[in-house]
Amino acid sequence: LAQSWNDLGARFYALDLRKYGRSLRDGQTPGYVDSLD
């Protein structure tokens, strides 16, 4: 997906949100928020 945008000349960024993936820390409830805001 990233390469497909680079092929068009665009810069590609992806965000691992808090408590997901690269942003998940020990002791945290995975993916949890009480408001999408």
PDB file of all heavy atoms in Angstrom:
ATOM      1  N   LEU A   1       0.834  -1.201   0.000  1.00  0.00           N
ATOM      2  CA  LEU A   1       0.000   0.000   0.000  1.00  0.00           C
ATOM      3  C   LEU A   1       0.868   1.251   0.000  1.00  0.00           C
ATOM      4  O   LEU A   1       0.613   2.206  -0.744  1.00  0.00           O
ATOM      5  CB  LEU A   1      -0.922  -0.012   1.218  1.00  0.00           C
ATOM      6  CG  LEU A   1      -1.875   1.164   1.380  1.00  0.00           C
ATOM      7  CD1 LEU A   1      -2.857   1.238   0.223  1.00  0.00           C
ATOM      8  CD2 LEU A   1      -2.617   1.066   2.716  1.00  0.00           C
ATOM      9  N   ALA A   2       1.904   1.251   0.827  1.00  0.00           N
ATOM     10  CA  ALA A   2       2.808   2.399   0.879  1.00  0.00           C
ATOM     11  C   ALA A   2       3.510   2.600  -0.457  1.00  0.00           C
ATOM     12  O   ALA A   2       3.598   3.728  -0.971  1.00  0.00           O
ATOM     13  CB  ALA A   2       3.832   2.193   2.001  1.00  0.00           C
ATOM     14  N   GLN A   3       3.996   1.511  -1.041  1.00  0.00           N
ATOM     15  CA  GLN A   3       4.709   1.633  -2.308  1.00  0.00           C
ATOM     16  C   GLN A   3       3.801   2.143  -3.421  1.00  0.00           C
ATOM     17  O   GLN A   3       4.242   2.901  -4.302  1.00  0.00           O
ATOM     18  CB  GLN A   3       5.315   0.291  -2.706  1.00  0.00           C
ATOM     19  CG  GLN A   3       6.137   0.376  -3.990  1.00  0.00           C
ATOM     20  CD  GLN A   3       6.839  -0.925  -4.312  1.00  0.00           C
ATOM     21  OE1 GLN A   3       6.960  -1.805  -3.471  1.00  0.00           O
ATOM     22  NE2 GLN A   3       7.308  -1.045  -5.553  1.00  0.00           N
ATOM     23  N   SER A   4       2.517   1.748  -3.389  1.00  0.00           N
ATOM     24  CA  SER A   4       1.601   2.197  -4.438  1.00  0.00           C
ATOM     25  C   SER A   4       1.463   3.707  -4.452  1.00  0.00           C
ATOM     26  O   SER A   4       1.327   4.324  -5.524  1.00  0.00           O
ATOM     27  CB  SER A   4       0.241   1.530  -4.268  1.00  0.00           C
ATOM     28  OG  SER A   4      -0.459   2.057  -3.152  1.00  0.00           O
ATOM     29  N   TRP A   5       1.487   4.324  -3.273  1.00  0.00           N
ATOM     30  CA  TRP A   5       1.423   5.792  -3.199  1.00  0.00           C
ATOM     31  C   TRP A   5       2.755   6.421  -3.572  1.00  0.00           C
ATOM     32  O   TRP A   5       2.785   7.456  -4.252  1.00  0.00           O
ATOM     33  CB  TRP A   5       0.983   6.220  -1.810  1.00  0.00           C
ATOM     34  CG  TRP A   5      -0.477   6.012  -1.581  1.00  0.00           C
ATOM     35  CD1 TRP A   5      -1.074   4.974  -0.932  1.00  0.00           C
ATOM     36  CD2 TRP A   5      -1.541   6.856  -2.043  1.00  0.00           C
ATOM     37  NE1 TRP A   5      -2.442   5.116  -0.954  1.00  0.00           N
ATOM     38  CE2 TRP A   5      -2.755   6.258  -1.624  1.00  0.00           C
ATOM     39  CE3 TRP A   5      -1.596   8.046  -2.756  1.00  0.00           C
ATOM     40  CZ2 TRP A   5      -4.000   6.833  -1.906  1.00  0.00           C
ATOM     41  CZ3 TRP A   5      -2.828   8.613  -3.038  1.00  0.00           C
ATOM     42  CH2 TRP A   5      -4.013   8.011  -2.614  1.00  0.00           C
ATOM     43  N   ASN A   6       3.866   5.808  -3.163  1.00  0.00           N
ATOM     44  CA  ASN A   6       5.172   6.315  -3.571  1.00  0.00           C
ATOM     45  C   ASN A   6       5.312   6.303  -5.080  1.00  0.00           C
ATOM     46  O   ASN A   6       5.922   7.215  -5.675  1.00  0.00           O
ATOM     47  CB  ASN A   6       6.287   5.469  -2.958  1.00  0.00           C
ATOM     48  CG  ASN A   6       6.503   5.693  -1.478  1.00  0.00           C
ATOM     49  OD1 ASN A   6       7.232   4.943  -0.838  1.00  0.00           O
ATOM     50  ND2 ASN A   6       5.876   6.713  -0.900  1.00  0.00           N
ATOM     51  N   ASP A   7       4.770   5.290  -5.744  1.00  0.00           N
ATOM     52  CA  ASP A   7       4.851   5.205  -7.207  1.00  0.00           C
ATOM     53  C   ASP A   7       4.165   6.385  -7.892  1.00  0.00           C
ATOM     54  O   ASP A   7       4.505   6.733  -9.031  1.00  0.00           O
ATOM     55  CB  ASP A   7       4.229   3.898  -7.701  1.00  0.00           C
ATOM     56  CG  ASP A   7       5.062   2.675  -7.358  1.00  0.00           C
ATOM     57  OD1 ASP A   7       6.244   2.850  -7.003  1.00  0.00           O
ATOM     58  OD2 ASP A   7       4.524   1.557  -7.421  1.00  0.00           O
ATOM     59  N   LEU A   8       3.194   7.002  -7.197  1.00  0.00           N
ATOM     60  CA  LEU A   8       2.519   8.193  -7.719  1.00  0.00           C
ATOM     61  C   LEU A   8       3.223   9.479  -7.308  1.00  0.00           C
ATOM     62  O   LEU A   8       2.773  10.570  -7.658  1.00  0.00           O
ATOM     63  CB  LEU A   8       1.064   8.224  -7.228  1.00  0.00           C
ATOM     64  CG  LEU A   8       0.164   7.087  -7.725  1.00  0.00           C
ATOM     65  CD1 LEU A   8      -1.197   7.146  -7.025  1.00  0.00           C
ATOM     66  CD2 LEU A   8      -0.017   7.166  -9.234  1.00  0.00           C
ATOM     67  N   GLY A   9       4.309   9.337  -6.560  1.00  0.00           N
ATOM     68  CA  GLY A   9       5.063  10.506  -6.113  1.00  0.00           C
ATOM     69  C   GLY A   9       4.695  10.980  -4.717  1.00  0.00           C
ATOM     70  O   GLY A   9       5.318  11.910  -4.194  1.00  0.00           O
ATOM     71  N   ALA A  10       3.693  10.378  -4.095  1.00  0.00           N
ATOM     72  CA  ALA A  10       3.220  10.834  -2.780  1.00  0.00           C
ATOM     73  C   ALA A  10       4.109  10.292  -1.661  1.00  0.00           C
ATOM     74  O   ALA A  10       4.660   9.190  -1.759  1.00  0.00           O
ATOM     75  CB  ALA A  10       1.778  10.391  -2.556  1.00  0.00           C
ATOM     76  N   ARG A  11       4.217  11.060  -0.598  1.00  0.00           N
ATOM     77  CA  ARG A  11       4.862  10.591   0.625  1.00  0.00           C
ATOM     78  C   ARG A  11       3.819   9.823   1.440  1.00  0.00           C
ATOM     79  O   ARG A  11       2.704  10.307   1.611  1.00  0.00           O
ATOM     80  CB  ARG A  11       5.427  11.756   1.441  1.00  0.00           C
ATOM     81  CG  ARG A  11       6.414  12.612   0.653  1.00  0.00           C
ATOM     82  CD  ARG A  11       7.164  13.598   1.518  1.00  0.00           C
ATOM     83  NE  ARG A  11       6.293  14.473   2.309  1.00  0.00           N
ATOM     84  CZ  ARG A  11       6.720  15.578   2.942  1.00  0.00           C
ATOM     85  NH1 ARG A  11       8.000  15.924   2.871  1.00  0.00           N
ATOM     86  NH2 ARG A  11       5.867  16.310   3.637  1.00  0.00           N
ATOM     87  N   PHE A  12       4.193   8.653   1.965  1.00  0.00           N
ATOM     88  CA  PHE A  12       3.243   7.808   2.687  1.00  0.00           C
ATOM     89  C   PHE A  12       3.609   7.734   4.159  1.00  0.00           C
ATOM     90  O   PHE A  12       4.763   7.466   4.516  1.00  0.00           O
ATOM     91  CB  PHE A  12       3.228   6.396   2.105  1.00  0.00           C
ATOM     92  CG  PHE A  12       2.241   5.475   2.784  1.00  0.00           C
ATOM     93  CD1 PHE A  12       0.925   5.397   2.340  1.00  0.00           C
ATOM     94  CD2 PHE A  12       2.622   4.712   3.877  1.00  0.00           C
ATOM     95  CE1 PHE A  12       0.017   4.564   2.978  1.00  0.00           C
ATOM     96  CE2 PHE A  12       1.717   3.881   4.516  1.00  0.00           C
ATOM     97  CZ  PHE A  12       0.403   3.807   4.062  1.00  0.00           C
ATOM     98  N   TYR A  13       2.607   7.969   5.009  1.00  0.00           N
ATOM     99  CA  TYR A  13       2.762   7.863   6.456  1.00  0.00           C
ATOM    100  C   TYR A  13       1.645   6.985   7.003  1.00  0.00           C
ATOM    101  O   TYR A  13       0.504   7.049   6.527  1.00  0.00           O
ATOM    102  CB  TYR A  13       2.682   9.240   7.116  1.00  0.00           C
ATOM    103  CG  TYR A  13       3.760  10.206   6.682  1.00  0.00           C
ATOM    104  CD1 TYR A  13       3.603  10.976   5.521  1.00  0.00           C
ATOM    105  CD2 TYR A  13       4.943  10.345   7.409  1.00  0.00           C
ATOM    106  CE1 TYR A  13       4.591  11.858   5.112  1.00  0.00           C
ATOM    107  CE2 TYR A  13       5.935  11.224   6.998  1.00  0.00           C
ATOM    108  CZ  TYR A  13       5.752  11.978   5.852  1.00  0.00           C
ATOM    109  OH  TYR A  13       6.732  12.860   5.451  1.00  0.00           O
ATOM    110  N   ALA A  14       1.956   6.179   8.000  1.00  0.00           N
ATOM    111  CA  ALA A  14       0.954   5.352   8.674  1.00  0.00           C
ATOM    112  C   ALA A  14       1.081   5.566  10.170  1.00  0.00           C
ATOM    113  O   ALA A  14       2.190   5.704  10.699  1.00  0.00           O
ATOM    114  CB  ALA A  14       1.149   3.881   8.333  1.00  0.00           C
ATOM    115  N   LEU A  15      -0.060   5.597  10.840  1.00  0.00           N
ATOM    116  CA  LEU A  15      -0.102   5.895  12.265  1.00  0.00           C
ATOM    117  C   LEU A  15      -0.583   4.663  13.034  1.00  0.00           C
ATOM    118  O   LEU A  15      -1.714   4.210  12.841  1.00  0.00           O
ATOM    119  CB  LEU A  15      -1.049   7.077  12.505  1.00  0.00           C
ATOM    120  CG  LEU A  15      -1.173   7.625  13.915  1.00  0.00           C
ATOM    121  CD1 LEU A  15       0.170   8.134  14.432  1.00  0.00           C
ATOM    122  CD2 LEU A  15      -2.208   8.754  13.945  1.00  0.00           C
ATOM    123  N   ASP A  16       0.288   4.110  13.872  1.00  0.00           N
ATOM    124  CA  ASP A  16      -0.157   3.134  14.855  1.00  0.00           C
ATOM    125  C   ASP A  16      -0.676   3.924  16.053  1.00  0.00           C
ATOM    126  O   ASP A  16       0.104   4.562  16.776  1.00  0.00           O
ATOM    127  CB  ASP A  16       0.995   2.224  15.294  1.00  0.00           C
ATOM    128  CG  ASP A  16       1.217   1.043  14.356  1.00  0.00           C
ATOM    129  OD1 ASP A  16       0.640   1.039  13.250  1.00  0.00           O
ATOM    130  OD2 ASP A  16       1.986   0.136  14.728  1.00  0.00           O
ATOM    131  N   LEU A  17      -1.987   3.907  16.244  1.00  0.00           N
ATOM    132  CA  LEU A  17      -2.605   4.697  17.300  1.00  0.00           C
ATOM    133  C   LEU A  17      -2.175   4.216  18.684  1.00  0.00           C
ATOM    134  O   LEU A  17      -1.623   3.124  18.845  1.00  0.00           O
ATOM    135  CB  LEU A  17      -4.127   4.609  17.184  1.00  0.00           C
ATOM    136  CG  LEU A  17      -4.749   5.158  15.902  1.00  0.00           C
ATOM    137  CD1 LEU A  17      -6.201   4.729  15.791  1.00  0.00           C
ATOM    138  CD2 LEU A  17      -4.627   6.680  15.837  1.00  0.00           C
ATOM    139  N   ARG A  18      -2.437   5.030  19.676  1.00  0.00           N
ATOM    140  CA  ARG A  18      -2.109   4.670  21.060  1.00  0.00           C
ATOM    141  C   ARG A  18      -2.656   3.276  21.407  1.00  0.00           C
ATOM    142  O   ARG A  18      -3.764   2.905  21.042  1.00  0.00           O
ATOM    143  CB  ARG A  18      -2.692   5.701  22.031  1.00  0.00           C
ATOM    144  CG  ARG A  18      -4.213   5.783  21.986  1.00  0.00           C
ATOM    145  CD  ARG A  18      -4.757   6.839  22.914  1.00  0.00           C
ATOM    146  NE  ARG A  18      -4.389   8.183  22.457  1.00  0.00           N
ATOM    147  CZ  ARG A  18      -4.495   9.266  23.227  1.00  0.00           C
ATOM    148  NH1 ARG A  18      -4.977   9.180  24.457  1.00  0.00           N
ATOM    149  NH2 ARG A  18      -4.134  10.442  22.744  1.00  0.00           N
ATOM    150  N   LYS A  19      -1.812   2.487  22.058  1.00  0.00           N
ATOM    151  CA  LYS A  19      -2.177   1.157  22.565  1.00  0.00           C
ATOM    152  C   LYS A  19      -2.467   0.143  21.462  1.00  0.00           C
ATOM    153  O   LYS A  19      -3.152  -0.856  21.683  1.00  0.00           O
ATOM    154  CB  LYS A  19      -3.342   1.249  23.560  1.00  0.00           C
ATOM    155  CG  LYS A  19      -3.054   2.220  24.717  1.00  0.00           C
ATOM    156  CD  LYS A  19      -4.111   2.236  25.784  1.00  0.00           C
ATOM    157  CE  LYS A  19      -3.753   3.291  26.842  1.00  0.00           C
ATOM    158  NZ  LYS A  19      -4.719   3.307  27.967  1.00  0.00           N
ATOM    159  N   TYR A  20      -1.921   0.419  20.270  1.00  0.00           N
ATOM    160  CA  TYR A  20      -1.965  -0.522  19.155  1.00  0.00           C
ATOM    161  C   TYR A  20      -0.547  -0.739  18.633  1.00  0.00           C
ATOM    162  O   TYR A  20       0.278   0.188  18.605  1.00  0.00           O
ATOM    163  CB  TYR A  20      -2.769   0.039  17.981  1.00  0.00           C
ATOM    164  CG  TYR A  20      -4.264   0.028  18.095  1.00  0.00           C
ATOM    165  CD1 TYR A  20      -4.947   1.128  18.581  1.00  0.00           C
ATOM    166  CD2 TYR A  20      -5.010  -1.070  17.669  1.00  0.00           C
ATOM    167  CE1 TYR A  20      -6.329   1.152  18.646  1.00  0.00           C
ATOM    168  CE2 TYR A  20      -6.399  -1.064  17.725  1.00  0.00           C
ATOM    169  CZ  TYR A  20      -7.048   0.050  18.212  1.00  0.00           C
ATOM    170  OH  TYR A  20      -8.422   0.059  18.273  1.00  0.00           O
ATOM    171  N   GLY A  21      -0.267  -1.942  18.163  1.00  0.00           N
ATOM    172  CA  GLY A  21       0.939  -2.216  17.405  1.00  0.00           C
ATOM    173  C   GLY A  21       2.209  -1.696  18.044  1.00  0.00           C
ATOM    174  O   GLY A  21       2.528  -2.012  19.199  1.00  0.00           O
ATOM    175  N   ARG A  22       2.945  -0.898  17.310  1.00  0.00           N
ATOM    176  CA  ARG A  22       4.206  -0.349  17.771  1.00  0.00           C
ATOM    177  C   ARG A  22       4.033   0.536  19.004  1.00  0.00           C
ATOM    178  O   ARG A  22       5.009   0.821  19.702  1.00  0.00           O
ATOM    179  CB  ARG A  22       4.854   0.472  16.643  1.00  0.00           C
ATOM    180  CG  ARG A  22       5.179  -0.319  15.382  1.00  0.00           C
ATOM    181  CD  ARG A  22       5.427   0.617  14.216  1.00  0.00           C
ATOM    182  NE  ARG A  22       5.757  -0.067  12.966  1.00  0.00           N
ATOM    183  CZ  ARG A  22       4.860  -0.572  12.128  1.00  0.00           C
ATOM    184  NH1 ARG A  22       3.576  -0.494  12.407  1.00  0.00           N
ATOM    185  NH2 ARG A  22       5.253  -1.156  10.999  1.00  0.00           N
ATOM    186  N   SER A  23       2.809   1.011  19.239  1.00  0.00           N
ATOM    187  CA  SER A  23       2.540   1.948  20.338  1.00  0.00           C
ATOM    188  C   SER A  23       2.035   1.252  21.603  1.00  0.00           C
ATOM    189  O   SER A  23       1.834   1.914  22.622  1.00  0.00           O
ATOM    190  CB  SER A  23       1.494   2.982  19.891  1.00  0.00           C
ATOM    191  OG  SER A  23       1.875   3.602  18.680  1.00  0.00           O
ATOM    192  N   LEU A  24       1.831  -0.053  21.552  1.00  0.00           N
ATOM    193  CA  LEU A  24       1.306  -0.793  22.697  1.00  0.00           C
ATOM    194  C   LEU A  24       2.415  -1.057  23.698  1.00  0.00           C
ATOM    195  O   LEU A  24       3.449  -1.627  23.371  1.00  0.00           O
ATOM    196  CB  LEU A  24       0.692  -2.115  22.215  1.00  0.00           C
ATOM    197  CG  LEU A  24       0.067  -3.020  23.268  1.00  0.00           C
ATOM    198  CD1 LEU A  24      -1.065  -2.315  23.996  1.00  0.00           C
ATOM    199  CD2 LEU A  24      -0.430  -4.314  22.619  1.00  0.00           C
ATOM    200  N   ARG A  25       2.187  -0.626  24.936  1.00  0.00           N
ATOM    201  CA  ARG A  25       3.175  -0.789  26.004  1.00  0.00           C
ATOM    202  C   ARG A  25       2.674  -1.812  27.024  1.00  0.00           C
ATOM    203  O   ARG A  25       1.476  -2.038  27.174  1.00  0.00           O
ATOM    204  CB  ARG A  25       3.440   0.552  26.699  1.00  0.00           C
ATOM    205  CG  ARG A  25       3.982   1.641  25.769  1.00  0.00           C
ATOM    206  CD  ARG A  25       5.371   1.272  25.251  1.00  0.00           C
ATOM    207  NE  ARG A  25       5.978   2.316  24.444  1.00  0.00           N
ATOM    208  CZ  ARG A  25       6.019   2.339  23.126  1.00  0.00           C
ATOM    209  NH1 ARG A  25       5.430   1.358  22.431  1.00  0.00           N
ATOM    210  NH2 ARG A  25       6.636   3.312  22.482  1.00  0.00           N
ATOM    211  N   ASP A  26       3.618  -2.425  27.750  1.00  0.00           N
ATOM    212  CA  ASP A  26       3.256  -3.402  28.772  1.00  0.00           C
ATOM    213  C   ASP A  26       2.309  -2.773  29.795  1.00  0.00           C
ATOM    214  O   ASP A  26       2.505  -1.627  30.212  1.00  0.00           O
ATOM    215  CB  ASP A  26       4.510  -3.901  29.492  1.00  0.00           C
ATOM    216  CG  ASP A  26       5.384  -4.775  28.601  1.00  0.00           C
ATOM    217  OD1 ASP A  26       4.865  -5.295  27.594  1.00  0.00           O
ATOM    218  OD2 ASP A  26       6.583  -4.926  28.915  1.00  0.00           O
ATOM    219  N   GLY A  27       1.289  -3.524  30.197  1.00  0.00           N
ATOM    220  CA  GLY A  27       0.342  -3.054  31.191  1.00  0.00           C
ATOM    221  C   GLY A  27      -0.818  -2.262  30.630  1.00  0.00           C
ATOM    222  O   GLY A  27      -1.728  -1.882  31.388  1.00  0.00           O
ATOM    223  N   GLN A  28      -0.818  -2.012  29.329  1.00  0.00           N
ATOM    224  CA  GLN A  28      -1.904  -1.252  28.725  1.00  0.00           C
ATOM    225  C   GLN A  28      -3.003  -2.180  28.198  1.00  0.00           C
ATOM    226  O   GLN A  28      -2.729  -3.307  27.776  1.00  0.00           O
ATOM    227  CB  GLN A  28      -1.378  -0.373  27.579  1.00  0.00           C
ATOM    228  CG  GLN A  28      -0.474   0.753  28.046  1.00  0.00           C
ATOM    229  CD  GLN A  28       0.005   1.636  26.913  1.00  0.00           C
ATOM    230  OE1 GLN A  28       0.055   1.209  25.755  1.00  0.00           O
ATOM    231  NE2 GLN A  28       0.365   2.866  27.233  1.00  0.00           N
ATOM    232  N   THR A  29      -4.234  -1.693  28.229  1.00  0.00           N
ATOM    233  CA  THR A  29      -5.371  -2.422  27.661  1.00  0.00           C
ATOM    234  C   THR A  29      -5.355  -2.220  26.154  1.00  0.00           C
ATOM    235  O   THR A  29      -5.557  -1.095  25.676  1.00  0.00           O
ATOM    236  CB  THR A  29      -6.691  -1.906  28.242  1.00  0.00           C
ATOM    237  OG1 THR A  29      -6.649  -1.991  29.673  1.00  0.00           O
ATOM    238  CG2 THR A  29      -7.860  -2.721  27.710  1.00  0.00           C
ATOM    239  N   PRO A  30      -5.093  -3.259  25.354  1.00  0.00           N
ATOM    240  CA  PRO A  30      -4.909  -3.069  23.906  1.00  0.00           C
ATOM    241  C   PRO A  30      -6.091  -2.380  23.240  1.00  0.00           C
ATOM    242  O   PRO A  30      -7.248  -2.785  23.400  1.00  0.00           O
ATOM    243  CB  PRO A  30      -4.741  -4.497  23.394  1.00  0.00           C
ATOM    244  CG  PRO A  30      -4.213  -5.268  24.557  1.00  0.00           C
ATOM    245  CD  PRO A  30      -4.900  -4.675  25.747  1.00  0.00           C
ATOM    246  N   GLY A  31      -5.797  -1.299  22.519  1.00  0.00           N
ATOM    247  CA  GLY A  31      -6.790  -0.608  21.707  1.00  0.00           C
ATOM    248  C   GLY A  31      -7.813   0.209  22.456  1.00  0.00           C
ATOM    249  O   GLY A  31      -8.692   0.801  21.824  1.00  0.00           O
ATOM    250  N   TYR A  32      -7.712   0.303  23.775  1.00  0.00           N
ATOM    251  CA  TYR A  32      -8.820   0.894  24.533  1.00  0.00           C
ATOM    252  C   TYR A  32      -8.797   2.422  24.557  1.00  0.00           C
ATOM    253  O   TYR A  32      -7.787   3.039  24.880  1.00  0.00           O
ATOM    254  CB  TYR A  32      -8.828   0.400  25.979  1.00  0.00           C
ATOM    255  CG  TYR A  32     -10.037   0.912  26.747  1.00  0.00           C
ATOM    256  CD1 TYR A  32     -11.278   0.315  26.557  1.00  0.00           C
ATOM    257  CD2 TYR A  32      -9.943   2.024  27.578  1.00  0.00           C
ATOM    258  CE1 TYR A  32     -12.401   0.795  27.210  1.00  0.00           C
ATOM    259  CE2 TYR A  32     -11.061   2.510  28.234  1.00  0.00           C
ATOM    260  CZ  TYR A  32     -12.289   1.887  28.047  1.00  0.00           C
ATOM    261  OH  TYR A  32     -13.408   2.374  28.682  1.00  0.00           O
ATOM    262  N   VAL A  33      -9.920   3.016  24.200  1.00  0.00           N
ATOM    263  CA  VAL A  33     -10.254   4.416  24.480  1.00  0.00           C
ATOM    264  C   VAL A  33     -11.741   4.451  24.815  1.00  0.00           C
ATOM    265  O   VAL A  33     -12.491   3.547  24.427  1.00  0.00           O
ATOM    266  CB  VAL A  33      -9.972   5.366  23.286  1.00  0.00           C
ATOM    267  CG1 VAL A  33      -8.490   5.530  23.025  1.00  0.00           C
ATOM    268  CG2 VAL A  33     -10.705   4.886  22.030  1.00  0.00           C
ATOM    269  N   ASP A  34     -12.172   5.476  25.539  1.00  0.00           N
ATOM    270  CA  ASP A  34     -13.609   5.596  25.826  1.00  0.00           C
ATOM    271  C   ASP A  34     -14.277   6.661  24.966  1.00  0.00           C
ATOM    272  O   ASP A  34     -15.464   6.928  25.119  1.00  0.00           O
ATOM    273  CB  ASP A  34     -13.854   5.869  27.309  1.00  0.00           C
ATOM    274  CG  ASP A  34     -13.193   7.142  27.801  1.00  0.00           C
ATOM    275  OD1 ASP A  34     -12.704   7.942  26.965  1.00  0.00           O
ATOM    276  OD2 ASP A  34     -13.154   7.358  29.025  1.00  0.00           O
ATOM    277  N   SER A  35     -13.522   7.244  24.026  1.00  0.00           N
ATOM    278  CA  SER A  35     -14.064   8.185  23.052  1.00  0.00           C
ATOM    279  C   SER A  35     -13.136   8.217  21.850  1.00  0.00           C
ATOM    280  O   SER A  35     -11.909   8.301  22.012  1.00  0.00           O
ATOM    281  CB  SER A  35     -14.187   9.590  23.644  1.00  0.00           C
ATOM    282  OG  SER A  35     -14.505  10.537  22.625  1.00  0.00           O
ATOM    283  N   LEU A  36     -13.696   8.142  20.650  1.00  0.00           N
ATOM    284  CA  LEU A  36     -12.865   8.227  19.451  1.00  0.00           C
ATOM    285  C   LEU A  36     -12.234   9.601  19.300  1.00  0.00           C
ATOM    286  O   LEU A  36     -11.237   9.750  18.582  1.00  0.00           O
ATOM    287  CB  LEU A  36     -13.702   7.878  18.212  1.00  0.00           C
ATOM    288  CG  LEU A  36     -14.278   6.457  18.166  1.00  0.00           C
ATOM    289  CD1 LEU A  36     -15.031   6.244  16.855  1.00  0.00           C
ATOM    290  CD2 LEU A  36     -13.191   5.402  18.342  1.00  0.00           C
ATOM    291  N   ASP A  37     -12.786  10.607  19.981  1.00  0.00           N
ATOM    292  CA  ASP A  37     -12.184  11.940  19.950  1.00  0.00           C
ATOM    293  C   ASP A  37     -10.801  11.952  20.596  1.00  0.00           C
ATOM    294  O   ASP A  37     -10.017  12.875  20.363  1.00  0.00           O
ATOM    295  CB  ASP A  37     -13.080  12.955  20.659  1.00  0.00           C
ATOM    296  CG  ASP A  37     -14.395  13.195  19.931  1.00  0.00           C
ATOM    297  OD1 ASP A  37     -14.576  12.628  18.834  1.00  0.00           O
ATOM    298  OD2 ASP A  37     -15.241  13.936  20.464  1.00  0.00           O
TER     299      ASP A  37
END
